[in-house]
Each structure stands twice: as C-alpha cells, then as structure tokens.
Amino acid sequence: MADTPAKTVEVNLLGRSYRVACADGEREALMQAVAYLDGKMNEIRKSGKVMGAERIAVMAALNVAHELLSIKLGSGFDVGLAKRRMAEIESRLDAAIAKQEKLF
C-alpha cells in the first residue's frame, strides 16, 4: 500500500491562519483536532489569566497533554474521542434541523 501524499491544508487557531501538511485520509481528524485545540485556546484566552498567543498555545498544549496522560494512565476512557463524537453528532443534528426548517 503506497503512502498517500500529503496536501497542505489551511487551519485557523485563535483567528490566526496556519498551513499544515495532511494526507487526504487524515483531513477530518486534523480538523477535529484543530477545533478541539482552538476551543481550548479560546477558553484560556477568555479566562483572562494568560495573555499572548504563544503563552495561550503553551497552556493549551499542557492541558491537552495532561488530558492525554490522564486517559492513558487512568480508566482508559477516551474523553477526547467522546467529545469529538458528540461534536460530530451535534453537527449532524444541526444540519438535519436546518433542512427541516427550510421546509416550513
């Protein structure tokens, strides 16, 4: 099986644009990771305790690393996966509701 060549995808974190290499089959996972990280960064920024995009990024990275280690060392329940699945379900529900609202 040949490796899928990576393509460049533009992502946004805290309103800043970044270009990231990503294989076609990994795009959805990348976008979920971006949404999750952007949410974490926005939570930190809104708290007002940390200033500056670089410091916010470091704090978000530490929080995500802590979550990952807690999952690996803890019960084994993948909270991040559960949140991503819930977000996907919510997105599908929103799309279905929007289609229904167009009918009326």
N, C-alpha and C. Protein backbone atom coordinates (compact mmCIF):
# COMPACT_ATOMS: atom_id res chain seq x y z
N MET A 1 0.84 -1.17 0.00
CA MET A 1 0.00 0.00 0.00
C MET A 1 0.89 1.24 0.00
N ALA A 2 0.70 2.11 -0.96
CA ALA A 2 1.52 3.31 -1.09
C ALA A 2 1.01 4.39 -0.14
N ASP A 3 1.94 5.18 0.36
CA ASP A 3 1.57 6.30 1.22
C ASP A 3 0.84 7.35 0.40
N THR A 4 -0.20 7.91 1.00
CA THR A 4 -0.92 8.99 0.35
C THR A 4 -0.12 10.26 0.51
N PRO A 5 0.14 10.95 -0.62
CA PRO A 5 0.93 12.18 -0.48
C PRO A 5 0.18 13.23 0.34
N ALA A 6 0.94 13.96 1.13
CA ALA A 6 0.35 15.00 1.98
C ALA A 6 0.02 16.22 1.15
N LYS A 7 -1.10 16.84 1.48
CA LYS A 7 -1.50 18.10 0.87
C LYS A 7 -1.48 19.17 1.96
N THR A 8 -1.39 20.39 1.56
CA THR A 8 -1.38 21.48 2.52
C THR A 8 -2.82 21.93 2.79
N VAL A 9 -3.16 22.02 4.07
CA VAL A 9 -4.49 22.43 4.50
C VAL A 9 -4.32 23.68 5.35
N GLU A 10 -5.19 24.65 5.13
CA GLU A 10 -5.15 25.87 5.94
C GLU A 10 -6.08 25.69 7.14
N VAL A 11 -5.55 25.96 8.33
CA VAL A 11 -6.33 25.86 9.56
C VAL A 11 -6.23 27.17 10.31
N ASN A 12 -7.18 27.41 11.20
CA ASN A 12 -7.20 28.64 11.99
C ASN A 12 -7.24 28.32 13.47
N LEU A 13 -6.34 28.95 14.21
CA LEU A 13 -6.29 28.83 15.66
C LEU A 13 -6.24 30.23 16.24
N LEU A 14 -7.17 30.55 17.10
CA LEU A 14 -7.27 31.89 17.70
C LEU A 14 -7.27 32.99 16.64
N GLY A 15 -7.91 32.71 15.52
CA GLY A 15 -8.01 33.70 14.46
C GLY A 15 -6.78 33.83 13.59
N ARG A 16 -5.77 33.03 13.83
CA ARG A 16 -4.56 33.05 13.02
C ARG A 16 -4.56 31.85 12.09
N SER A 17 -4.11 32.10 10.87
CA SER A 17 -4.11 31.06 9.85
C SER A 17 -2.77 30.34 9.81
N TYR A 18 -2.82 29.02 9.69
CA TYR A 18 -1.62 28.19 9.60
C TYR A 18 -1.82 27.19 8.47
N ARG A 19 -0.74 26.86 7.76
CA ARG A 19 -0.79 25.84 6.71
C ARG A 19 -0.12 24.59 7.26
N VAL A 20 -0.83 23.46 7.15
CA VAL A 20 -0.39 22.20 7.73
C VAL A 20 -0.44 21.11 6.67
N ALA A 21 0.61 20.29 6.60
CA ALA A 21 0.62 19.15 5.69
C ALA A 21 -0.29 18.07 6.26
N CYS A 22 -1.12 17.48 5.39
CA CYS A 22 -2.09 16.49 5.85
C CYS A 22 -2.44 15.54 4.71
N ALA A 23 -2.39 14.24 4.97
CA ALA A 23 -2.82 13.26 3.98
C ALA A 23 -4.33 13.34 3.83
N ASP A 24 -4.84 13.02 2.64
CA ASP A 24 -6.29 13.11 2.38
C ASP A 24 -7.11 12.36 3.42
N GLY A 25 -6.70 11.18 3.77
CA GLY A 25 -7.45 10.36 4.71
C GLY A 25 -7.41 10.86 6.14
N GLU A 26 -6.59 11.84 6.43
CA GLU A 26 -6.44 12.36 7.79
C GLU A 26 -7.06 13.74 7.97
N ARG A 27 -7.65 14.29 6.92
CA ARG A 27 -8.16 15.65 6.97
C ARG A 27 -9.23 15.83 8.05
N GLU A 28 -10.18 14.91 8.12
CA GLU A 28 -11.26 15.03 9.11
C GLU A 28 -10.70 15.00 10.53
N ALA A 29 -9.75 14.10 10.78
CA ALA A 29 -9.14 14.02 12.11
C ALA A 29 -8.38 15.30 12.42
N LEU A 30 -7.69 15.85 11.44
CA LEU A 30 -6.97 17.10 11.64
C LEU A 30 -7.94 18.22 11.99
N MET A 31 -9.04 18.32 11.27
CA MET A 31 -9.99 19.39 11.51
C MET A 31 -10.64 19.25 12.89
N GLN A 32 -10.86 18.02 13.34
CA GLN A 32 -11.39 17.80 14.69
C GLN A 32 -10.35 18.23 15.73
N ALA A 33 -9.09 17.92 15.47
CA ALA A 33 -8.03 18.31 16.39
C ALA A 33 -7.91 19.83 16.44
N VAL A 34 -8.00 20.48 15.30
CA VAL A 34 -7.93 21.94 15.23
C VAL A 34 -9.09 22.55 16.02
N ALA A 35 -10.29 22.03 15.83
CA ALA A 35 -11.46 22.56 16.54
C ALA A 35 -11.30 22.38 18.04
N TYR A 36 -10.79 21.24 18.44
CA TYR A 36 -10.60 20.96 19.87
C TYR A 36 -9.55 21.91 20.46
N LEU A 37 -8.41 22.04 19.78
CA LEU A 37 -7.35 22.91 20.27
C LEU A 37 -7.78 24.36 20.27
N ASP A 38 -8.48 24.79 19.22
CA ASP A 38 -8.96 26.17 19.16
C ASP A 38 -9.92 26.44 20.32
N GLY A 39 -10.76 25.48 20.63
CA GLY A 39 -11.67 25.63 21.78
C GLY A 39 -10.91 25.78 23.07
N LYS A 40 -9.90 24.95 23.27
CA LYS A 40 -9.08 25.04 24.48
C LYS A 40 -8.39 26.39 24.57
N MET A 41 -7.84 26.85 23.45
CA MET A 41 -7.13 28.13 23.43
C MET A 41 -8.09 29.28 23.72
N ASN A 42 -9.29 29.21 23.17
CA ASN A 42 -10.28 30.26 23.43
C ASN A 42 -10.72 30.27 24.89
N GLU A 43 -10.87 29.09 25.50
CA GLU A 43 -11.21 29.02 26.93
C GLU A 43 -10.15 29.72 27.77
N ILE A 44 -8.89 29.47 27.44
CA ILE A 44 -7.78 30.07 28.19
C ILE A 44 -7.76 31.57 27.99
N ARG A 45 -7.95 32.01 26.74
CA ARG A 45 -7.96 33.45 26.46
C ARG A 45 -9.10 34.14 27.19
N LYS A 46 -10.29 33.53 27.18
CA LYS A 46 -11.45 34.13 27.84
C LYS A 46 -11.30 34.20 29.35
N SER A 47 -10.50 33.31 29.93
CA SER A 47 -10.29 33.34 31.38
C SER A 47 -9.57 34.61 31.79
N GLY A 48 -8.80 35.19 30.86
CA GLY A 48 -8.08 36.43 31.13
C GLY A 48 -6.84 36.26 31.98
N LYS A 49 -6.51 35.04 32.34
CA LYS A 49 -5.35 34.80 33.20
C LYS A 49 -4.05 34.70 32.43
N VAL A 50 -4.15 34.39 31.13
CA VAL A 50 -2.96 34.21 30.30
C VAL A 50 -3.08 35.14 29.10
N MET A 51 -2.02 35.89 28.82
CA MET A 51 -2.02 36.82 27.70
C MET A 51 -0.99 36.39 26.67
N GLY A 52 -1.26 36.68 25.43
CA GLY A 52 -0.32 36.39 24.35
C GLY A 52 -0.59 35.03 23.73
N ALA A 53 -0.64 35.01 22.40
CA ALA A 53 -0.98 33.78 21.67
C ALA A 53 0.00 32.64 21.97
N GLU A 54 1.27 32.96 22.10
CA GLU A 54 2.27 31.90 22.35
C GLU A 54 2.05 31.27 23.73
N ARG A 55 1.82 32.08 24.73
CA ARG A 55 1.58 31.55 26.08
C ARG A 55 0.28 30.76 26.14
N ILE A 56 -0.74 31.26 25.45
CA ILE A 56 -2.02 30.55 25.40
C ILE A 56 -1.82 29.19 24.74
N ALA A 57 -1.04 29.15 23.65
CA ALA A 57 -0.77 27.89 22.95
C ALA A 57 -0.04 26.90 23.86
N VAL A 58 0.93 27.39 24.63
CA VAL A 58 1.67 26.52 25.53
C VAL A 58 0.75 25.98 26.62
N MET A 59 -0.08 26.83 27.20
CA MET A 59 -1.00 26.39 28.24
C MET A 59 -2.00 25.37 27.69
N ALA A 60 -2.50 25.62 26.48
CA ALA A 60 -3.43 24.67 25.85
C ALA A 60 -2.73 23.34 25.61
N ALA A 61 -1.50 23.39 25.13
CA ALA A 61 -0.74 22.16 24.89
C ALA A 61 -0.54 21.38 26.20
N LEU A 62 -0.24 22.08 27.27
CA LEU A 62 -0.08 21.42 28.57
C LEU A 62 -1.40 20.79 29.02
N ASN A 63 -2.50 21.50 28.84
CA ASN A 63 -3.81 20.96 29.22
C ASN A 63 -4.15 19.71 28.42
N VAL A 64 -3.91 19.76 27.11
CA VAL A 64 -4.21 18.61 26.26
C VAL A 64 -3.30 17.44 26.61
N ALA A 65 -2.02 17.71 26.85
CA ALA A 65 -1.08 16.65 27.24
C ALA A 65 -1.52 16.02 28.57
N HIS A 66 -1.97 16.85 29.51
CA HIS A 66 -2.45 16.34 30.79
C HIS A 66 -3.67 15.44 30.59
N GLU A 67 -4.60 15.86 29.76
CA GLU A 67 -5.78 15.04 29.45
C GLU A 67 -5.37 13.70 28.86
N LEU A 68 -4.44 13.74 27.92
CA LEU A 68 -3.98 12.52 27.27
C LEU A 68 -3.34 11.57 28.27
N LEU A 69 -2.47 12.10 29.10
CA LEU A 69 -1.81 11.25 30.10
C LEU A 69 -2.81 10.72 31.12
N SER A 70 -3.80 11.52 31.49
CA SER A 70 -4.83 11.05 32.42
C SER A 70 -5.60 9.89 31.82
N ILE A 71 -5.87 9.96 30.54
CA ILE A 71 -6.59 8.88 29.86
C ILE A 71 -5.72 7.63 29.80
N LYS A 72 -4.46 7.80 29.41
CA LYS A 72 -3.56 6.66 29.28
C LYS A 72 -3.30 5.99 30.63
N LEU A 73 -3.19 6.79 31.67
CA LEU A 73 -2.86 6.25 32.98
C LEU A 73 -4.09 5.95 33.82
N GLY A 74 -5.21 6.51 33.43
CA GLY A 74 -6.43 6.38 34.23
C GLY A 74 -7.29 5.22 33.79
N SER A 75 -8.55 5.50 33.68
CA SER A 75 -9.54 4.46 33.42
C SER A 75 -9.49 3.92 32.00
N GLY A 76 -8.82 4.62 31.11
CA GLY A 76 -8.78 4.18 29.72
C GLY A 76 -9.91 4.77 28.90
N PHE A 77 -10.84 5.47 29.53
CA PHE A 77 -11.93 6.11 28.80
C PHE A 77 -11.39 7.32 28.07
N ASP A 78 -11.58 7.37 26.77
CA ASP A 78 -11.04 8.44 25.94
C ASP A 78 -12.03 9.60 25.90
N VAL A 79 -11.84 10.55 26.79
CA VAL A 79 -12.72 11.71 26.88
C VAL A 79 -12.68 12.52 25.58
N GLY A 80 -11.48 12.69 25.03
CA GLY A 80 -11.35 13.46 23.78
C GLY A 80 -12.14 12.84 22.65
N LEU A 81 -12.07 11.53 22.53
CA LEU A 81 -12.83 10.83 21.49
C LEU A 81 -14.32 11.00 21.72
N ALA A 82 -14.74 10.88 22.95
CA ALA A 82 -16.16 11.05 23.27
C ALA A 82 -16.63 12.46 22.91
N LYS A 83 -15.82 13.47 23.24
CA LYS A 83 -16.18 14.85 22.91
C LYS A 83 -16.24 15.06 21.41
N ARG A 84 -15.27 14.48 20.68
CA ARG A 84 -15.28 14.62 19.22
C ARG A 84 -16.51 13.95 18.61
N ARG A 85 -16.86 12.79 19.14
CA ARG A 85 -18.06 12.10 18.63
C ARG A 85 -19.32 12.90 18.95
N MET A 86 -19.40 13.47 20.14
CA MET A 86 -20.56 14.28 20.49
C MET A 86 -20.65 15.51 19.60
N ALA A 87 -19.50 16.13 19.30
CA ALA A 87 -19.49 17.31 18.43
C ALA A 87 -19.95 16.93 17.02
N GLU A 88 -19.53 15.76 16.56
CA GLU A 88 -19.94 15.30 15.23
C GLU A 88 -21.45 15.04 15.21
N ILE A 89 -21.97 14.41 16.24
CA ILE A 89 -23.41 14.15 16.32
C ILE A 89 -24.17 15.46 16.38
N GLU A 90 -23.68 16.40 17.17
CA GLU A 90 -24.32 17.71 17.27
C GLU A 90 -24.34 18.42 15.92
N SER A 91 -23.25 18.32 15.19
CA SER A 91 -23.17 18.93 13.87
C SER A 91 -24.19 18.30 12.92
N ARG A 92 -24.31 16.99 12.97
CA ARG A 92 -25.29 16.29 12.12
C ARG A 92 -26.71 16.68 12.49
N LEU A 93 -26.97 16.80 13.79
CA LEU A 93 -28.30 17.22 14.24
C LEU A 93 -28.61 18.63 13.77
N ASP A 94 -27.64 19.53 13.89
CA ASP A 94 -27.83 20.90 13.42
C ASP A 94 -28.16 20.94 11.94
N ALA A 95 -27.45 20.12 11.15
CA ALA A 95 -27.69 20.08 9.70
C ALA A 95 -29.09 19.54 9.41
N ALA A 96 -29.49 18.50 10.14
CA ALA A 96 -30.82 17.93 9.93
C ALA A 96 -31.91 18.92 10.31
N ILE A 97 -31.71 19.64 11.41
CA ILE A 97 -32.69 20.63 11.84
C ILE A 97 -32.78 21.77 10.83
N ALA A 98 -31.63 22.18 10.31
CA ALA A 98 -31.62 23.26 9.31
C ALA A 98 -32.40 22.85 8.07
N LYS A 99 -32.27 21.60 7.66
CA LYS A 99 -33.02 21.12 6.49
C LYS A 99 -34.51 21.14 6.78
N GLN A 100 -34.91 20.74 7.99
CA GLN A 100 -36.31 20.74 8.37
C GLN A 100 -36.88 22.14 8.40
N GLU A 101 -36.09 23.09 8.90
CA GLU A 101 -36.57 24.48 8.99
C GLU A 101 -36.80 25.08 7.62
N LYS A 102 -36.04 24.64 6.62
CA LYS A 102 -36.22 25.14 5.25
C LYS A 102 -37.54 24.68 4.65
N LEU A 103 -38.07 23.57 5.16
CA LEU A 103 -39.33 23.04 4.64
C LEU A 103 -40.52 23.88 5.06
N PHE A 104 -40.40 24.62 6.15
CA PHE A 104 -41.53 25.38 6.69
C PHE A 104 -41.36 26.83 6.49
